[in-house]
C-alpha atoms as a PDB file:
ATOM      1  CA  MET A   1     -19.502 -48.293  -6.600  1.00  0.00           C
ATOM      2  CA  ALA A   2     -19.818 -45.447  -9.075  1.00  0.00           C
ATOM      3  CA  ARG A   3     -20.933 -46.215 -12.596  1.00  0.00           C
ATOM      4  CA  LYS A   4     -18.735 -45.245 -15.491  1.00  0.00           C
ATOM      5  CA  ALA A   5     -19.978 -42.490 -17.722  1.00  0.00           C
ATOM      6  CA  THR A   6     -21.661 -43.812 -20.826  1.00  0.00           C
ATOM      7  CA  THR A   7     -19.351 -43.389 -23.765  1.00  0.00           C
ATOM      8  CA  PRO A   8     -19.816 -44.418 -27.382  1.00  0.00           C
ATOM      9  CA  GLN A   9     -17.295 -47.244 -26.706  1.00  0.00           C
ATOM     10  CA  ASN A  10     -19.656 -48.665 -24.051  1.00  0.00           C
ATOM     11  CA  LEU A  11     -22.600 -48.548 -26.428  1.00  0.00           C
ATOM     12  CA  ILE A  12     -20.963 -50.474 -29.275  1.00  0.00           C
ATOM     13  CA  PRO A  13     -21.455 -54.252 -29.041  1.00  0.00           C
ATOM     14  CA  ALA A  14     -18.253 -56.282 -28.697  1.00  0.00           C
ATOM     15  CA  LYS A  15     -16.980 -57.832 -31.896  1.00  0.00           C
ATOM     16  CA  LYS A  16     -16.560 -61.578 -32.184  1.00  0.00           C
ATOM     17  CA  GLY A  17     -13.454 -62.581 -30.211  1.00  0.00           C
ATOM     18  CA  GLU A  18     -13.022 -59.126 -28.645  1.00  0.00           C
ATOM     19  CA  VAL A  19     -12.416 -59.109 -24.901  1.00  0.00           C
ATOM     20  CA  ARG A  20     -13.702 -55.991 -23.167  1.00  0.00           C
ATOM     21  CA  ASN A  21     -12.712 -57.016 -19.630  1.00  0.00           C
ATOM     22  CA  PRO A  22      -9.444 -58.985 -19.770  1.00  0.00           C
ATOM     23  CA  ASN A  23      -9.039 -58.936 -15.966  1.00  0.00           C
ATOM     24  CA  GLY A  24     -12.598 -60.136 -15.354  1.00  0.00           C
ATOM     25  CA  ARG A  25     -13.759 -62.879 -13.071  1.00  0.00           C
ATOM     26  CA  PRO A  26     -11.049 -65.533 -12.627  1.00  0.00           C
ATOM     27  CA  VAL A  27     -11.647 -69.019 -14.017  1.00  0.00           C
ATOM     28  CA  GLY A  28     -12.766 -71.399 -11.266  1.00  0.00           C
ATOM     29  CA  SER A  29     -13.977 -68.692  -8.880  1.00  0.00           C
ATOM     30  CA  LYS A  30     -17.213 -69.548  -7.103  1.00  0.00           C
ATOM     31  CA  ASN A  31     -20.479 -67.650  -6.933  1.00  0.00           C
ATOM     32  CA  ARG A  32     -21.375 -66.050  -3.627  1.00  0.00           C
ATOM     33  CA  SER A  33     -24.379 -68.355  -3.386  1.00  0.00           C
ATOM     34  CA  THR A  34     -22.117 -71.422  -3.728  1.00  0.00           C
ATOM     35  CA  VAL A  35     -19.834 -70.222  -0.940  1.00  0.00           C
ATOM     36  CA  LEU A  36     -22.787 -69.232   1.238  1.00  0.00           C
ATOM     37  CA  GLU A  37     -24.420 -72.618   0.716  1.00  0.00           C
ATOM     38  CA  LYS A  38     -21.195 -74.362   1.752  1.00  0.00           C
ATOM     39  CA  TRP A  39     -21.053 -72.474   5.054  1.00  0.00           C
ATOM     40  CA  LEU A  40     -24.779 -72.678   5.789  1.00  0.00           C
ATOM     41  CA  TYR A  41     -24.631 -76.468   5.741  1.00  0.00           C
ATOM     42  CA  CYS A  42     -21.596 -76.715   8.051  1.00  0.00           C
ATOM     43  CA  LYS A  43     -22.371 -78.393  11.363  1.00  0.00           C
ATOM     44  CA  VAL A  44     -22.038 -76.420  14.608  1.00  0.00           C
ATOM     45  CA  ASP A  45     -22.979 -77.111  18.219  1.00  0.00           C
ATOM     46  CA  GLY A  46     -26.480 -75.898  18.946  1.00  0.00           C
ATOM     47  CA  LEU A  47     -29.124 -76.290  21.608  1.00  0.00           C
ATOM     48  CA  ASP A  48     -31.991 -78.552  20.576  1.00  0.00           C
ATOM     49  CA  PRO A  49     -35.110 -76.573  21.565  1.00  0.00           C
ATOM     50  CA  GLU A  50     -37.090 -79.723  22.344  1.00  0.00           C
ATOM     51  CA  THR A  51     -34.589 -81.744  24.383  1.00  0.00           C
ATOM     52  CA  LYS A  52     -32.395 -78.848  25.607  1.00  0.00           C
ATOM     53  CA  GLU A  53     -29.323 -80.918  24.726  1.00  0.00           C
ATOM     54  CA  VAL A  54     -26.312 -79.678  22.783  1.00  0.00           C
ATOM     55  CA  VAL A  55     -26.396 -81.344  19.373  1.00  0.00           C
ATOM     56  CA  LYS A  56     -24.782 -80.832  15.968  1.00  0.00           C
ATOM     57  CA  ILE A  57     -27.000 -78.665  13.751  1.00  0.00           C
ATOM     58  CA  THR A  58     -26.381 -76.813  10.507  1.00  0.00           C
ATOM     59  CA  GLN A  59     -25.640 -73.089  10.475  1.00  0.00           C
ATOM     60  CA  GLU A  60     -28.943 -72.686   8.627  1.00  0.00           C
ATOM     61  CA  ASP A  61     -30.822 -74.355  11.490  1.00  0.00           C
ATOM     62  CA  ALA A  62     -28.974 -72.197  14.020  1.00  0.00           C
ATOM     63  CA  ILE A  63     -29.976 -69.052  12.121  1.00  0.00           C
ATOM     64  CA  MET A  64     -33.617 -70.157  11.922  1.00  0.00           C
ATOM     65  CA  LEU A  65     -33.668 -70.939  15.669  1.00  0.00           C
ATOM     66  CA  ALA A  66     -32.194 -67.485  16.385  1.00  0.00           C
ATOM     67  CA  LEU A  67     -34.893 -65.911  14.192  1.00  0.00           C
ATOM     68  CA  ILE A  68     -37.592 -67.783  16.096  1.00  0.00           C
ATOM     69  CA  GLU A  69     -36.129 -66.617  19.418  1.00  0.00           C
ATOM     70  CA  LYS A  70     -36.155 -63.001  18.213  1.00  0.00           C
ATOM     71  CA  ALA A  71     -39.778 -63.385  17.111  1.00  0.00           C
ATOM     72  CA  LYS A  72     -40.711 -64.853  20.487  1.00  0.00           C
ATOM     73  CA  GLY A  73     -39.076 -61.815  22.092  1.00  0.00           C
ATOM     74  CA  GLY A  74     -41.403 -59.522  20.146  1.00  0.00           C
ATOM     75  CA  ASP A  75     -39.181 -58.491  17.223  1.00  0.00           C
ATOM     76  CA  VAL A  76     -41.772 -57.458  14.626  1.00  0.00           C
ATOM     77  CA  GLN A  77     -39.357 -57.797  11.677  1.00  0.00           C
ATOM     78  CA  ALA A  78     -38.525 -61.375  12.733  1.00  0.00           C
ATOM     79  CA  ILE A  79     -42.228 -62.204  13.035  1.00  0.00           C
ATOM     80  CA  LYS A  80     -42.856 -60.745   9.566  1.00  0.00           C
ATOM     81  CA  GLU A  81     -39.946 -62.717   8.083  1.00  0.00           C
ATOM     82  CA  ILE A  82     -41.282 -65.978   9.520  1.00  0.00           C
ATOM     83  CA  GLN A  83     -44.826 -65.249   8.326  1.00  0.00           C
ATOM     84  CA  ASP A  84     -43.613 -64.328   4.836  1.00  0.00           C
ATOM     85  CA  THR A  85     -41.510 -67.496   4.668  1.00  0.00           C
ATOM     86  CA  LEU A  86     -44.313 -69.781   5.798  1.00  0.00           C
ATOM     87  CA  HIS A  87     -47.306 -68.179   4.103  1.00  0.00           C
ATOM     88  CA  GLY A  88     -45.838 -65.998   1.346  1.00  0.00           C
ATOM     89  CA  LYS A  89     -45.785 -62.239   1.169  1.00  0.00           C
ATOM     90  CA  LEU A  90     -49.105 -60.440   1.187  1.00  0.00           C
ATOM     91  CA  LYS A  91     -50.014 -58.736  -2.047  1.00  0.00           C
ATOM     92  CA  GLU A  92     -50.975 -55.108  -1.724  1.00  0.00           C
ATOM     93  CA  VAL A  93     -54.374 -54.485  -3.263  1.00  0.00           C
ATOM     94  CA  THR A  94     -55.534 -50.971  -4.003  1.00  0.00           C
ATOM     95  CA  GLU A  95     -58.961 -50.116  -5.216  1.00  0.00           C
ATOM     96  CA  THR A  96     -59.803 -46.868  -6.930  1.00  0.00           C
ATOM     97  CA  LYS A  97     -63.229 -45.511  -7.705  1.00  0.00           C
ATOM     98  CA  THR A  98     -63.916 -43.039 -10.459  1.00  0.00           C
ATOM     99  CA  ASP A  99     -66.954 -41.199 -11.737  1.00  0.00           C
ATOM    100  CA  ILE A 100     -66.241 -42.106 -15.360  1.00  0.00           C
ATOM    101  CA  SER A 101     -69.203 -43.757 -17.029  1.00  0.00           C
ATOM    102  CA  VAL A 102     -68.210 -46.724 -19.194  1.00  0.00           C
ATOM    103  CA  ASN A 103     -70.522 -48.426 -21.628  1.00  0.00           C
ATOM    104  CA  LYS A 104     -71.695 -51.900 -20.587  1.00  0.00           C
ATOM    105  CA  GLU A 105     -69.745 -53.841 -23.243  1.00  0.00           C
ATOM    106  CA  LEU A 106     -66.421 -52.216 -22.298  1.00  0.00           C
ATOM    107  CA  GLU A 107     -67.169 -52.787 -18.620  1.00  0.00           C
ATOM    108  CA  GLN A 108     -67.723 -56.522 -19.282  1.00  0.00           C
ATOM    109  CA  LEU A 109     -64.431 -56.743 -21.204  1.00  0.00           C
ATOM    110  CA  LEU A 110     -62.571 -55.043 -18.379  1.00  0.00           C
ATOM    111  CA  ASP A 111     -64.152 -57.359 -15.778  1.00  0.00           C
ATOM    112  CA  ALA A 112     -63.181 -60.415 -17.829  1.00  0.00           C
ATOM    113  CA  TRP A 113     -59.619 -59.146 -18.188  1.00  0.00           C
ATOM    114  CA  ILE A 114     -59.295 -58.411 -14.451  1.00  0.00           C
ATOM    115  CA  THR A 115     -60.591 -61.868 -13.437  1.00  0.00           C
ATOM    116  CA  GLN A 116     -57.978 -63.513 -15.690  1.00  0.00           C
ATOM    117  CA  LYS A 117     -55.145 -61.998 -13.594  1.00  0.00           C
END
């Protein structure tokens, strides 16, 4: 969706009681997350991986089981998604070395500041 060009009208704050988008979001409409949540918790027939019986499971469970199957098949993205979900995403750490000499007091302040993070 293309953005509208910025005009002075867009930059002026709306006055009290002024409606800038009269055809905006309808009253009572639901967020996408609300609708998604509704459908994720619907029950569907699914194969229980432990008993191999067809049982009622949520869509969310069915999706997670499909993700596990993809990971077992060697799908690297599925493996990464499972690892990130279980253990959290890895933080990228970069270390740089410089030849700048810093006096001892400033170096101690920097070390203290870095350890606080």
